[in-house]
Amino acid sequence: MRELLRAEKRQRLSQLASLDVKEKRAMAEAVFGCCNDEHRPRVASTIGAILMGDVSSLVLDQALDINVPPALEQLGKLAELRVLDLTRNRLGAVPEYLGSVHSLQILMLYDCGLTELPASLGRLRGLRKLELGDNRLTRLPDSFAELHGLRDLGLFNNQLTILPRWVAHLPKLFVFYGDANPWQVPPWSVVKSVSSDSGKDLAPLRRYFEAVERHGATTSRRAKMVLVGTGKAGKSSTLRGMKYGEPRPFGDDERTVQLDIWTLALGEPPAPGAEEDMRIVLSAWDFAGQPEYAAGQQQYLIKGALYLLLVPAHRATDEEVDEVLFRWLDALQAKAPVDLAR
């Protein structure tokens, strides 16, 4: 092992020896000059170690005082720079020249205020880990399809709506973390099945794209909505108000017996001659809230529906909160486990 480490260091020193003193000084000053006072000693030590061939990682986490300047283009001359960590620096944009640091294996761009990425990063064919989480990205460059060695792709908390097909076909990709994005294609249910910060099989993602290629895709504008809650919580009155666009409360003698099913069309009706009706159509299931109906309703609580739990505020006291709130939450979590929005 020691011989391997010595050989690796000799290789780095050989490459660094090809840089003249002026180039080394310019490289060090470029990195050091854009760092804030707090992190300069640490960064200076790291740069010195890199130029001595002792390390192959440059960590600038929260260290930059300004955006990455053009002077840092000299990083491309470090053919053995394998790790570049720019986490939590307000870069705003990634410089094109980073795509010329071909030796990079790990590139950390977490929380850098990024809205787009340069296509040049697709030239980093040796890249194994690319962390892009907590930015404001809306798309991924198609050139990333060439990152055949990528094993770990972090996309957490961006503004991505479309996951390109090529992601499913990166041959070595094992860790894909795409939570907290407004996914539309594929739908969130598909992305969630493969998203993990510790690694998951991407087969469901591949099957989705294969099915779309074989059978085509369409947009469904229909959904199921289920209203639950104790008796006299206002479920039926809420539905009728949604249907007619104005309050129309039910009287005490109009209570729901077991179940009522409504059809609600949300949105503006199509204009005359329009090719497509863009309204969302809800099949709204209004469950009676009396305890005697509970047993017969359990079979209708399923995954994939939108649940509205109505709670009469005047009864949400210590004495009644179990009846008007928690028994319904327990039923939903047991039969249709979902992320609850309160």
C-alpha atoms as a PDB file:
ATOM      1  CA  MET A   1       0.000   0.000   0.000  1.00  0.00           C
ATOM      2  CA  ARG A   2       2.825   2.415   0.861  1.00  0.00           C
ATOM      3  CA  GLU A   3       4.468   1.767  -2.493  1.00  0.00           C
ATOM      4  CA  LEU A   4       1.196   2.527  -4.279  1.00  0.00           C
ATOM      5  CA  LEU A   5       0.839   5.799  -2.377  1.00  0.00           C
ATOM      6  CA  ARG A   6       4.444   6.738  -3.146  1.00  0.00           C
ATOM      7  CA  ALA A   7       3.923   5.948  -6.825  1.00  0.00           C
ATOM      8  CA  GLU A   8       0.764   8.060  -6.885  1.00  0.00           C
ATOM      9  CA  LYS A   9       2.564  10.973  -5.257  1.00  0.00           C
ATOM     10  CA  ARG A  10       5.465  10.672  -7.710  1.00  0.00           C
ATOM     11  CA  GLN A  11       2.959  10.858 -10.556  1.00  0.00           C
ATOM     12  CA  ARG A  12       1.419  14.031  -9.146  1.00  0.00           C
ATOM     13  CA  LEU A  13       4.833  15.580  -8.564  1.00  0.00           C
ATOM     14  CA  SER A  14       5.826  14.734 -12.116  1.00  0.00           C
ATOM     15  CA  GLN A  15       2.790  16.600 -13.424  1.00  0.00           C
ATOM     16  CA  LEU A  16       3.337  19.548 -11.103  1.00  0.00           C
ATOM     17  CA  ALA A  17       6.975  19.728 -12.140  1.00  0.00           C
ATOM     18  CA  SER A  18       5.786  20.648 -15.625  1.00  0.00           C
ATOM     19  CA  LEU A  19       4.416  23.922 -14.210  1.00  0.00           C
ATOM     20  CA  ASP A  20       6.936  26.709 -13.909  1.00  0.00           C
ATOM     21  CA  VAL A  21       7.306  28.829 -10.779  1.00  0.00           C
ATOM     22  CA  LYS A  22       5.259  31.652 -12.281  1.00  0.00           C
ATOM     23  CA  GLU A  23       2.331  29.334 -13.037  1.00  0.00           C
ATOM     24  CA  LYS A  24       2.415  27.827  -9.539  1.00  0.00           C
ATOM     25  CA  ARG A  25       2.458  31.274  -7.944  1.00  0.00           C
ATOM     26  CA  ALA A  26      -0.398  32.465 -10.150  1.00  0.00           C
ATOM     27  CA  MET A  27      -2.451  29.388  -9.281  1.00  0.00           C
ATOM     28  CA  ALA A  28      -1.912  29.805  -5.549  1.00  0.00           C
ATOM     29  CA  GLU A  29      -2.640  33.533  -5.614  1.00  0.00           C
ATOM     30  CA  ALA A  30      -5.788  33.006  -7.690  1.00  0.00           C
ATOM     31  CA  VAL A  31      -7.317  30.613  -5.173  1.00  0.00           C
ATOM     32  CA  PHE A  32      -5.996  32.374  -2.086  1.00  0.00           C
ATOM     33  CA  GLY A  33      -7.024  35.827  -3.283  1.00  0.00           C
ATOM     34  CA  CYS A  34     -10.739  35.085  -3.540  1.00  0.00           C
ATOM     35  CA  CYS A  35     -11.072  33.482  -0.099  1.00  0.00           C
ATOM     36  CA  ASN A  36     -12.454  35.264   2.925  1.00  0.00           C
ATOM     37  CA  ASP A  37     -10.253  36.022   5.921  1.00  0.00           C
ATOM     38  CA  GLU A  38     -11.709  33.262   8.085  1.00  0.00           C
ATOM     39  CA  HIS A  39     -10.774  30.466   5.712  1.00  0.00           C
ATOM     40  CA  ARG A  40      -7.529  31.771   4.186  1.00  0.00           C
ATOM     41  CA  PRO A  41      -5.143  29.909   6.537  1.00  0.00           C
ATOM     42  CA  ARG A  42      -6.856  26.573   5.874  1.00  0.00           C
ATOM     43  CA  VAL A  43      -7.026  27.148   2.123  1.00  0.00           C
ATOM     44  CA  ALA A  44      -3.399  28.296   1.988  1.00  0.00           C
ATOM     45  CA  SER A  45      -2.328  25.085   3.706  1.00  0.00           C
ATOM     46  CA  THR A  46      -4.372  22.997   1.265  1.00  0.00           C
ATOM     47  CA  ILE A  47      -2.965  24.782  -1.784  1.00  0.00           C
ATOM     48  CA  GLY A  48       0.550  24.253  -0.502  1.00  0.00           C
ATOM     49  CA  ALA A  49      -0.107  20.552  -0.031  1.00  0.00           C
ATOM     50  CA  ILE A  50      -1.532  20.270  -3.554  1.00  0.00           C
ATOM     51  CA  LEU A  51       1.508  21.979  -5.062  1.00  0.00           C
ATOM     52  CA  MET A  52       3.769  19.619  -3.109  1.00  0.00           C
ATOM     53  CA  GLY A  53       1.860  16.643  -4.501  1.00  0.00           C
ATOM     54  CA  ASP A  54       0.643  15.541  -1.049  1.00  0.00           C
ATOM     55  CA  VAL A  55      -3.112  15.807  -1.641  1.00  0.00           C
ATOM     56  CA  SER A  56      -5.514  15.786  -4.566  1.00  0.00           C
ATOM     57  CA  SER A  57      -8.512  17.517  -2.922  1.00  0.00           C
ATOM     58  CA  LEU A  58      -9.386  21.208  -2.813  1.00  0.00           C
ATOM     59  CA  VAL A  59     -12.124  22.024  -0.291  1.00  0.00           C
ATOM     60  CA  LEU A  60     -13.440  25.588  -0.478  1.00  0.00           C
ATOM     61  CA  ASP A  61     -16.614  25.007   1.565  1.00  0.00           C
ATOM     62  CA  GLN A  62     -17.966  28.491   2.447  1.00  0.00           C
ATOM     63  CA  ALA A  63     -14.486  29.893   1.803  1.00  0.00           C
ATOM     64  CA  LEU A  64     -14.993  32.141  -1.218  1.00  0.00           C
ATOM     65  CA  ASP A  65     -15.479  35.838  -0.635  1.00  0.00           C
ATOM     66  CA  ILE A  66     -16.503  36.457  -4.256  1.00  0.00           C
ATOM     67  CA  ASN A  67     -17.720  34.424  -7.207  1.00  0.00           C
ATOM     68  CA  VAL A  68     -15.169  32.064  -8.735  1.00  0.00           C
ATOM     69  CA  PRO A  69     -12.932  34.401 -10.753  1.00  0.00           C
ATOM     70  CA  PRO A  70     -11.490  33.689 -14.215  1.00  0.00           C
ATOM     71  CA  ALA A  71      -8.058  33.348 -12.608  1.00  0.00           C
ATOM     72  CA  LEU A  72      -9.117  29.994 -11.166  1.00  0.00           C
ATOM     73  CA  GLU A  73      -9.065  28.615 -14.689  1.00  0.00           C
ATOM     74  CA  GLN A  74      -5.541  27.537 -13.830  1.00  0.00           C
ATOM     75  CA  LEU A  75      -7.056  24.702 -11.790  1.00  0.00           C
ATOM     76  CA  GLY A  76      -7.335  22.911 -15.118  1.00  0.00           C
ATOM     77  CA  LYS A  77      -3.567  22.537 -15.088  1.00  0.00           C
ATOM     78  CA  LEU A  78      -3.751  20.334 -11.986  1.00  0.00           C
ATOM     79  CA  ALA A  79      -4.168  17.038 -13.784  1.00  0.00           C
ATOM     80  CA  GLU A  80      -4.375  15.190 -10.465  1.00  0.00           C
ATOM     81  CA  LEU A  81      -7.056  17.320  -8.791  1.00  0.00           C
ATOM     82  CA  ARG A  82      -9.687  14.709  -7.960  1.00  0.00           C
ATOM     83  CA  VAL A  83     -11.961  16.436  -5.444  1.00  0.00           C
ATOM     84  CA  LEU A  84     -13.274  19.989  -5.720  1.00  0.00           C
ATOM     85  CA  ASP A  85     -15.704  21.107  -3.019  1.00  0.00           C
ATOM     86  CA  LEU A  86     -17.361  24.498  -3.565  1.00  0.00           C
ATOM     87  CA  THR A  87     -20.253  23.849  -1.164  1.00  0.00           C
ATOM     88  CA  ARG A  88     -22.180  26.865   0.175  1.00  0.00           C
ATOM     89  CA  ASN A  89     -20.417  29.474  -1.911  1.00  0.00           C
ATOM     90  CA  ARG A  90     -22.723  31.928  -3.685  1.00  0.00           C
ATOM     91  CA  LEU A  91     -21.356  31.191  -7.129  1.00  0.00           C
ATOM     92  CA  GLY A  92     -24.517  32.025  -9.050  1.00  0.00           C
ATOM     93  CA  ALA A  93     -23.024  30.271 -12.068  1.00  0.00           C
ATOM     94  CA  VAL A  94     -20.483  27.521 -12.686  1.00  0.00           C
ATOM     95  CA  PRO A  95     -17.559  28.651 -14.854  1.00  0.00           C
ATOM     96  CA  GLU A  96     -17.196  26.842 -18.176  1.00  0.00           C
ATOM     97  CA  TYR A  97     -13.551  26.033 -17.534  1.00  0.00           C
ATOM     98  CA  LEU A  98     -14.368  23.575 -14.734  1.00  0.00           C
ATOM     99  CA  GLY A  99     -15.188  21.163 -17.543  1.00  0.00           C
ATOM    100  CA  SER A 100     -11.477  21.122 -18.397  1.00  0.00           C
ATOM    101  CA  VAL A 101     -10.415  19.687 -15.023  1.00  0.00           C
ATOM    102  CA  HIS A 102     -10.652  16.201 -16.491  1.00  0.00           C
ATOM    103  CA  SER A 103      -9.144  14.465 -13.457  1.00  0.00           C
ATOM    104  CA  LEU A 104     -12.101  15.383 -11.204  1.00  0.00           C
ATOM    105  CA  GLN A 105     -13.876  12.445  -9.596  1.00  0.00           C
ATOM    106  CA  ILE A 106     -15.943  14.353  -7.026  1.00  0.00           C
ATOM    107  CA  LEU A 107     -17.518  17.775  -7.627  1.00  0.00           C
ATOM    108  CA  MET A 108     -19.512  19.324  -4.784  1.00  0.00           C
ATOM    109  CA  LEU A 109     -21.751  22.268  -5.737  1.00  0.00           C
ATOM    110  CA  TYR A 110     -24.285  22.040  -2.908  1.00  0.00           C
ATOM    111  CA  ASP A 111     -26.124  25.282  -2.011  1.00  0.00           C
ATOM    112  CA  CYS A 112     -24.292  27.523  -4.469  1.00  0.00           C
ATOM    113  CA  GLY A 113     -27.246  29.565  -5.748  1.00  0.00           C
ATOM    114  CA  LEU A 114     -27.113  27.907  -9.168  1.00  0.00           C
ATOM    115  CA  THR A 115     -29.891  28.300 -11.732  1.00  0.00           C
ATOM    116  CA  GLU A 116     -28.173  26.548 -14.635  1.00  0.00           C
ATOM    117  CA  LEU A 117     -25.128  24.422 -15.422  1.00  0.00           C
ATOM    118  CA  PRO A 118     -22.647  24.648 -18.292  1.00  0.00           C
ATOM    119  CA  ALA A 119     -22.646  21.853 -20.861  1.00  0.00           C
ATOM    120  CA  SER A 120     -18.862  21.669 -20.420  1.00  0.00           C
ATOM    121  CA  LEU A 121     -19.289  19.649 -17.196  1.00  0.00           C
ATOM    122  CA  GLY A 122     -20.333  16.762 -19.422  1.00  0.00           C
ATOM    123  CA  ARG A 123     -16.659  16.451 -20.394  1.00  0.00           C
ATOM    124  CA  LEU A 124     -15.749  15.270 -16.889  1.00  0.00           C
ATOM    125  CA  ARG A 125     -15.829  11.629 -17.941  1.00  0.00           C
ATOM    126  CA  GLY A 126     -14.087  10.433 -14.774  1.00  0.00           C
ATOM    127  CA  LEU A 127     -16.660  12.028 -12.462  1.00  0.00           C
ATOM    128  CA  ARG A 128     -18.071   9.606  -9.878  1.00  0.00           C
ATOM    129  CA  LYS A 129     -20.001  11.927  -7.570  1.00  0.00           C
ATOM    130  CA  LEU A 130     -21.840  15.118  -8.550  1.00  0.00           C
ATOM    131  CA  GLU A 131     -23.643  16.976  -5.764  1.00  0.00           C
ATOM    132  CA  LEU A 132     -26.058  19.671  -6.964  1.00  0.00           C
ATOM    133  CA  GLY A 133     -28.515  19.762  -4.073  1.00  0.00           C
ATOM    134  CA  ASP A 134     -30.154  22.870  -2.601  1.00  0.00           C
ATOM    135  CA  ASN A 135     -29.869  25.072  -5.697  1.00  0.00           C
ATOM    136  CA  ARG A 136     -32.492  26.500  -8.086  1.00  0.00           C
ATOM    137  CA  LEU A 137     -31.820  24.371 -11.156  1.00  0.00           C
ATOM    138  CA  THR A 138     -34.668  23.901 -13.640  1.00  0.00           C
ATOM    139  CA  ARG A 139     -32.956  21.531 -16.089  1.00  0.00           C
ATOM    140  CA  LEU A 140     -29.912  19.290 -16.529  1.00  0.00           C
ATOM    141  CA  PRO A 141     -27.663  19.634 -19.589  1.00  0.00           C
ATOM    142  CA  ASP A 142     -27.992  16.803 -22.111  1.00  0.00           C
ATOM    143  CA  SER A 143     -24.195  16.552 -22.134  1.00  0.00           C
ATOM    144  CA  PHE A 144     -24.436  14.875 -18.708  1.00  0.00           C
ATOM    145  CA  ALA A 145     -25.547  11.747 -20.563  1.00  0.00           C
ATOM    146  CA  GLU A 146     -21.830  11.242 -21.265  1.00  0.00           C
ATOM    147  CA  LEU A 147     -20.955  10.906 -17.563  1.00  0.00           C
ATOM    148  CA  HIS A 148     -20.781   7.125 -17.819  1.00  0.00           C
ATOM    149  CA  GLY A 149     -18.718   6.745 -14.643  1.00  0.00           C
ATOM    150  CA  LEU A 150     -21.172   8.649 -12.435  1.00  0.00           C
ATOM    151  CA  ARG A 151     -22.205   6.653  -9.358  1.00  0.00           C
ATOM    152  CA  ASP A 152     -23.793   9.328  -7.156  1.00  0.00           C
ATOM    153  CA  LEU A 153     -26.058  12.169  -8.363  1.00  0.00           C
ATOM    154  CA  GLY A 154     -27.548  14.571  -5.810  1.00  0.00           C
ATOM    155  CA  LEU A 155     -30.425  16.788  -6.987  1.00  0.00           C
ATOM    156  CA  PHE A 156     -32.210  17.432  -3.679  1.00  0.00           C
ATOM    157  CA  ASN A 157     -34.292  20.624  -3.386  1.00  0.00           C
ATOM    158  CA  ASN A 158     -34.105  22.212  -6.822  1.00  0.00           C
ATOM    159  CA  GLN A 159     -36.819  23.347  -9.260  1.00  0.00           C
ATOM    160  CA  LEU A 160     -36.557  20.383 -11.626  1.00  0.00           C
ATOM    161  CA  THR A 161     -39.754  19.243 -13.332  1.00  0.00           C
ATOM    162  CA  ILE A 162     -38.373  16.842 -15.963  1.00  0.00           C
ATOM    163  CA  LEU A 163     -35.886  14.050 -15.284  1.00  0.00           C
ATOM    164  CA  PRO A 164     -34.141  13.222 -18.573  1.00  0.00           C
ATOM    165  CA  ARG A 165     -34.324   9.665 -19.841  1.00  0.00           C
ATOM    166  CA  TRP A 166     -30.549   9.372 -19.908  1.00  0.00           C
ATOM    167  CA  VAL A 167     -30.413   9.413 -16.083  1.00  0.00           C
ATOM    168  CA  ALA A 168     -31.966   5.935 -16.051  1.00  0.00           C
ATOM    169  CA  HIS A 169     -29.291   4.683 -18.437  1.00  0.00           C
ATOM    170  CA  LEU A 170     -26.137   5.897 -16.708  1.00  0.00           C
ATOM    171  CA  PRO A 171     -24.502   2.473 -16.360  1.00  0.00           C
ATOM    172  CA  LYS A 172     -22.907   2.930 -12.926  1.00  0.00           C
ATOM    173  CA  LEU A 173     -25.413   5.236 -11.242  1.00  0.00           C
ATOM    174  CA  PHE A 174     -26.454   3.785  -7.891  1.00  0.00           C
ATOM    175  CA  VAL A 175     -27.193   6.732  -5.597  1.00  0.00           C
ATOM    176  CA  PHE A 176     -29.801   9.133  -6.960  1.00  0.00           C
ATOM    177  CA  TYR A 177     -31.346  11.650  -4.550  1.00  0.00           C
ATOM    178  CA  GLY A 178     -34.062  13.779  -6.145  1.00  0.00           C
ATOM    179  CA  ASP A 179     -36.433  14.630  -3.293  1.00  0.00           C
ATOM    180  CA  ALA A 180     -37.990  18.111  -2.917  1.00  0.00           C
ATOM    181  CA  ASN A 181     -38.386  18.870  -6.632  1.00  0.00           C
ATOM    182  CA  PRO A 182     -41.716  19.574  -8.432  1.00  0.00           C
ATOM    183  CA  TRP A 183     -41.378  16.516 -10.681  1.00  0.00           C
ATOM    184  CA  GLN A 184     -43.845  16.167 -13.541  1.00  0.00           C
ATOM    185  CA  VAL A 185     -42.025  13.715 -15.833  1.00  0.00           C
ATOM    186  CA  PRO A 186     -41.694  11.102 -14.490  1.00  0.00           C
ATOM    187  CA  PRO A 187     -44.357  11.686 -11.825  1.00  0.00           C
ATOM    188  CA  TRP A 188     -43.189  11.993  -8.246  1.00  0.00           C
ATOM    189  CA  SER A 189     -44.378   8.471  -7.406  1.00  0.00           C
ATOM    190  CA  VAL A 190     -41.843   7.060  -9.898  1.00  0.00           C
ATOM    191  CA  VAL A 191     -38.992   9.343  -8.841  1.00  0.00           C
ATOM    192  CA  LYS A 192     -39.668   8.608  -5.175  1.00  0.00           C
ATOM    193  CA  SER A 193     -39.356   4.863  -5.799  1.00  0.00           C
ATOM    194  CA  VAL A 194     -35.694   5.283  -6.799  1.00  0.00           C
ATOM    195  CA  SER A 195     -34.664   8.362  -4.788  1.00  0.00           C
ATOM    196  CA  SER A 196     -32.373   7.656  -1.856  1.00  0.00           C
ATOM    197  CA  ASP A 197     -29.265   9.194  -0.332  1.00  0.00           C
ATOM    198  CA  SER A 198     -27.855   5.714   0.322  1.00  0.00           C
ATOM    199  CA  GLY A 199     -28.555   3.893  -2.954  1.00  0.00           C
ATOM    200  CA  LYS A 200     -31.469   2.128  -4.673  1.00  0.00           C
ATOM    201  CA  ASP A 201     -32.119   0.023  -7.756  1.00  0.00           C
ATOM    202  CA  LEU A 202     -33.028   2.307 -10.676  1.00  0.00           C
ATOM    203  CA  ALA A 203     -35.003  -0.428 -12.470  1.00  0.00           C
ATOM    204  CA  PRO A 204     -38.425   1.241 -11.820  1.00  0.00           C
ATOM    205  CA  LEU A 205     -37.176   4.384 -13.553  1.00  0.00           C
ATOM    206  CA  ARG A 206     -35.995   2.395 -16.578  1.00  0.00           C
ATOM    207  CA  ARG A 207     -39.305   0.531 -16.770  1.00  0.00           C
ATOM    208  CA  TYR A 208     -41.203   3.817 -16.763  1.00  0.00           C
ATOM    209  CA  PHE A 209     -39.276   5.214 -19.723  1.00  0.00           C
ATOM    210  CA  GLU A 210     -39.516   1.907 -21.605  1.00  0.00           C
ATOM    211  CA  ALA A 211     -43.305   1.834 -21.108  1.00  0.00           C
ATOM    212  CA  VAL A 212     -43.635   5.422 -22.331  1.00  0.00           C
ATOM    213  CA  GLU A 213     -41.580   4.591 -25.413  1.00  0.00           C
ATOM    214  CA  ARG A 214     -43.741   1.555 -26.214  1.00  0.00           C
ATOM    215  CA  HIS A 215     -47.183   2.928 -25.429  1.00  0.00           C
ATOM    216  CA  GLY A 216     -46.811   6.703 -25.421  1.00  0.00           C
ATOM    217  CA  ALA A 217     -47.787   9.117 -22.653  1.00  0.00           C
ATOM    218  CA  THR A 218     -50.795  11.247 -21.885  1.00  0.00           C
ATOM    219  CA  THR A 219     -51.832  13.686 -19.169  1.00  0.00           C
ATOM    220  CA  SER A 220     -54.538  12.575 -16.770  1.00  0.00           C
ATOM    221  CA  ARG A 221     -56.680  15.389 -15.438  1.00  0.00           C
ATOM    222  CA  ARG A 222     -58.779  13.210 -13.167  1.00  0.00           C
ATOM    223  CA  ALA A 223     -58.182  12.553  -9.499  1.00  0.00           C
ATOM    224  CA  LYS A 224     -59.923  11.199  -6.430  1.00  0.00           C
ATOM    225  CA  MET A 225     -60.559  13.423  -3.430  1.00  0.00           C
ATOM    226  CA  VAL A 226     -61.835  12.054  -0.127  1.00  0.00           C
ATOM    227  CA  LEU A 227     -63.320  14.216   2.621  1.00  0.00           C
ATOM    228  CA  VAL A 228     -63.184  12.744   6.110  1.00  0.00           C
ATOM    229  CA  GLY A 229     -63.946  14.029   9.562  1.00  0.00           C
ATOM    230  CA  THR A 230     -66.408  13.734  12.380  1.00  0.00           C
ATOM    231  CA  GLY A 231     -70.129  14.309  11.863  1.00  0.00           C
ATOM    232  CA  LYS A 232     -71.188  17.948  11.307  1.00  0.00           C
ATOM    233  CA  ALA A 233     -67.601  18.998  10.559  1.00  0.00           C
ATOM    234  CA  GLY A 234     -68.775  20.701   7.357  1.00  0.00           C
ATOM    235  CA  LYS A 235     -67.621  18.222   4.705  1.00  0.00           C
ATOM    236  CA  SER A 236     -70.759  18.328   2.556  1.00  0.00           C
ATOM    237  CA  SER A 237     -71.075  22.102   2.902  1.00  0.00           C
ATOM    238  CA  THR A 238     -67.453  22.508   1.817  1.00  0.00           C
ATOM    239  CA  LEU A 239     -68.049  20.357  -1.255  1.00  0.00           C
ATOM    240  CA  ARG A 240     -71.169  22.235  -2.265  1.00  0.00           C
ATOM    241  CA  GLY A 241     -69.336  25.527  -1.841  1.00  0.00           C
ATOM    242  CA  MET A 242     -66.543  24.266  -4.112  1.00  0.00           C
ATOM    243  CA  LYS A 243     -69.051  23.091  -6.699  1.00  0.00           C
ATOM    244  CA  TYR A 244     -71.009  26.350  -6.916  1.00  0.00           C
ATOM    245  CA  GLY A 245     -68.276  28.823  -6.019  1.00  0.00           C
ATOM    246  CA  GLU A 246     -70.170  30.270  -3.060  1.00  0.00           C
ATOM    247  CA  PRO A 247     -71.188  29.188   0.466  1.00  0.00           C
ATOM    248  CA  ARG A 248     -74.196  26.849   0.456  1.00  0.00           C
ATOM    249  CA  PRO A 249     -74.226  25.171   3.886  1.00  0.00           C
ATOM    250  CA  PHE A 250     -76.279  22.039   4.451  1.00  0.00           C
ATOM    251  CA  GLY A 251     -79.004  21.966   7.077  1.00  0.00           C
ATOM    252  CA  ASP A 252     -79.069  19.568  10.022  1.00  0.00           C
ATOM    253  CA  ASP A 253     -81.671  17.411   8.263  1.00  0.00           C
ATOM    254  CA  GLU A 254     -79.441  16.907   5.185  1.00  0.00           C
ATOM    255  CA  ARG A 255     -76.664  14.892   6.758  1.00  0.00           C
ATOM    256  CA  THR A 256     -74.728  12.357   4.681  1.00  0.00           C
ATOM    257  CA  VAL A 257     -75.715   8.707   5.066  1.00  0.00           C
ATOM    258  CA  GLN A 258     -72.646   6.452   4.701  1.00  0.00           C
ATOM    259  CA  LEU A 259     -71.222   8.029   1.523  1.00  0.00           C
ATOM    260  CA  ASP A 260     -72.000  10.566  -1.201  1.00  0.00           C
ATOM    261  CA  ILE A 261     -69.966  10.848  -4.419  1.00  0.00           C
ATOM    262  CA  TRP A 262     -69.708  14.175  -6.220  1.00  0.00           C
ATOM    263  CA  THR A 263     -68.047  15.234  -9.465  1.00  0.00           C
ATOM    264  CA  LEU A 264     -66.202  18.553  -9.386  1.00  0.00           C
ATOM    265  CA  ALA A 265     -64.659  20.287 -12.409  1.00  0.00           C
ATOM    266  CA  LEU A 266     -62.015  22.797 -11.334  1.00  0.00           C
ATOM    267  CA  GLY A 267     -60.988  25.596 -13.675  1.00  0.00           C
ATOM    268  CA  GLU A 268     -62.530  27.576 -16.490  1.00  0.00           C
ATOM    269  CA  PRO A 269     -64.696  25.738 -19.055  1.00  0.00           C
ATOM    270  CA  PRO A 270     -63.056  25.367 -22.476  1.00  0.00           C
ATOM    271  CA  ALA A 271     -63.701  28.126 -24.987  1.00  0.00           C
ATOM    272  CA  PRO A 272     -65.875  27.275 -28.001  1.00  0.00           C
ATOM    273  CA  GLY A 273     -63.779  25.374 -30.519  1.00  0.00           C
ATOM    274  CA  ALA A 274     -61.015  24.517 -28.029  1.00  0.00           C
ATOM    275  CA  GLU A 275     -59.318  21.207 -28.764  1.00  0.00           C
ATOM    276  CA  GLU A 276     -58.782  20.232 -25.131  1.00  0.00           C
ATOM    277  CA  ASP A 277     -60.597  20.677 -21.839  1.00  0.00           C
ATOM    278  CA  MET A 278     -57.902  21.790 -19.374  1.00  0.00           C
ATOM    279  CA  ARG A 279     -60.110  21.488 -16.294  1.00  0.00           C
ATOM    280  CA  ILE A 280     -59.225  19.067 -13.503  1.00  0.00           C
ATOM    281  CA  VAL A 281     -62.069  16.680 -12.720  1.00  0.00           C
ATOM    282  CA  LEU A 282     -62.311  15.396  -9.164  1.00  0.00           C
ATOM    283  CA  SER A 283     -64.296  12.403  -8.045  1.00  0.00           C
ATOM    284  CA  ALA A 284     -65.100  13.701  -4.563  1.00  0.00           C
ATOM    285  CA  TRP A 285     -66.051  11.130  -1.913  1.00  0.00           C
ATOM    286  CA  ASP A 286     -67.907  12.594   1.046  1.00  0.00           C
ATOM    287  CA  PHE A 287     -67.742  10.184   4.000  1.00  0.00           C
ATOM    288  CA  ALA A 288     -70.302  10.344   6.779  1.00  0.00           C
ATOM    289  CA  GLY A 289     -68.547  11.069  10.062  1.00  0.00           C
ATOM    290  CA  GLN A 290     -70.639   9.109  12.568  1.00  0.00           C
ATOM    291  CA  PRO A 291     -68.723   6.261  14.299  1.00  0.00           C
ATOM    292  CA  GLU A 292     -71.282   3.630  13.233  1.00  0.00           C
ATOM    293  CA  TYR A 293     -70.222   4.087   9.596  1.00  0.00           C
ATOM    294  CA  ALA A 294     -66.476   3.724  10.212  1.00  0.00           C
ATOM    295  CA  ALA A 295     -66.189  -0.042   9.644  1.00  0.00           C
ATOM    296  CA  GLY A 296     -67.774   0.102   6.195  1.00  0.00           C
ATOM    297  CA  GLN A 297     -65.585   3.000   5.085  1.00  0.00           C
ATOM    298  CA  GLN A 298     -62.154   1.459   5.692  1.00  0.00           C
ATOM    299  CA  GLN A 299     -62.039  -0.321   2.323  1.00  0.00           C
ATOM    300  CA  TYR A 300     -62.317   3.017   0.501  1.00  0.00           C
ATOM    301  CA  LEU A 301     -59.276   4.558   2.194  1.00  0.00           C
ATOM    302  CA  ILE A 302     -56.567   3.839  -0.371  1.00  0.00           C
ATOM    303  CA  LYS A 303     -53.258   5.283  -1.524  1.00  0.00           C
ATOM    304  CA  GLY A 304     -53.171   7.806  -4.329  1.00  0.00           C
ATOM    305  CA  ALA A 305     -56.116   9.973  -3.304  1.00  0.00           C
ATOM    306  CA  LEU A 306     -56.153  13.525  -1.991  1.00  0.00           C
ATOM    307  CA  TYR A 307     -57.533  13.491   1.559  1.00  0.00           C
ATOM    308  CA  LEU A 308     -59.122  16.505   3.228  1.00  0.00           C
ATOM    309  CA  LEU A 309     -59.625  16.102   6.960  1.00  0.00           C
ATOM    310  CA  LEU A 310     -62.101  18.657   8.295  1.00  0.00           C
ATOM    311  CA  VAL A 311     -61.954  19.419  12.012  1.00  0.00           C
ATOM    312  CA  PRO A 312     -64.570  21.541  13.829  1.00  0.00           C
ATOM    313  CA  ALA A 313     -62.331  24.018  15.641  1.00  0.00           C
ATOM    314  CA  HIS A 314     -64.719  24.502  18.550  1.00  0.00           C
ATOM    315  CA  ARG A 315     -64.437  20.793  19.383  1.00  0.00           C
ATOM    316  CA  ALA A 316     -60.638  20.486  19.140  1.00  0.00           C
ATOM    317  CA  THR A 317     -60.319  20.571  22.924  1.00  0.00           C
ATOM    318  CA  ASP A 318     -58.396  18.246  25.207  1.00  0.00           C
ATOM    319  CA  GLU A 319     -61.607  16.338  25.852  1.00  0.00           C
ATOM    320  CA  GLU A 320     -62.592  15.806  22.207  1.00  0.00           C
ATOM    321  CA  VAL A 321     -59.400  16.088  20.135  1.00  0.00           C
ATOM    322  CA  ASP A 322     -59.000  12.301  19.966  1.00  0.00           C
ATOM    323  CA  GLU A 323     -62.476  11.937  18.456  1.00  0.00           C
ATOM    324  CA  VAL A 324     -62.402  14.830  15.982  1.00  0.00           C
ATOM    325  CA  LEU A 325     -58.744  14.619  14.896  1.00  0.00           C
ATOM    326  CA  PHE A 326     -56.474  11.806  16.009  1.00  0.00           C
ATOM    327  CA  ARG A 327     -58.749   8.857  15.229  1.00  0.00           C
ATOM    328  CA  TRP A 328     -58.944  10.096  11.639  1.00  0.00           C
ATOM    329  CA  LEU A 329     -55.198  10.618  11.370  1.00  0.00           C
ATOM    330  CA  ASP A 330     -54.634   7.093  12.684  1.00  0.00           C
ATOM    331  CA  ALA A 331     -57.057   5.660  10.120  1.00  0.00           C
ATOM    332  CA  LEU A 332     -55.391   7.506   7.239  1.00  0.00           C
ATOM    333  CA  GLN A 333     -51.889   6.509   8.262  1.00  0.00           C
ATOM    334  CA  ALA A 334     -52.931   2.880   8.595  1.00  0.00           C
ATOM    335  CA  LYS A 335     -54.859   2.544   5.336  1.00  0.00           C
ATOM    336  CA  ALA A 336     -53.305   5.198   3.085  1.00  0.00           C
ATOM    337  CA  PRO A 337     -49.888   6.200   4.497  1.00  0.00           C
ATOM    338  CA  VAL A 338     -48.884   9.516   2.970  1.00  0.00           C
ATOM    339  CA  ASP A 339     -47.040  12.702   3.850  1.00  0.00           C
ATOM    340  CA  LEU A 340     -49.595  14.720   5.779  1.00  0.00           C
ATOM    341  CA  ALA A 341     -49.824  18.465   5.203  1.00  0.00           C
ATOM    342  CA  ARG A 342     -51.318  20.240   8.188  1.00  0.00           C
END
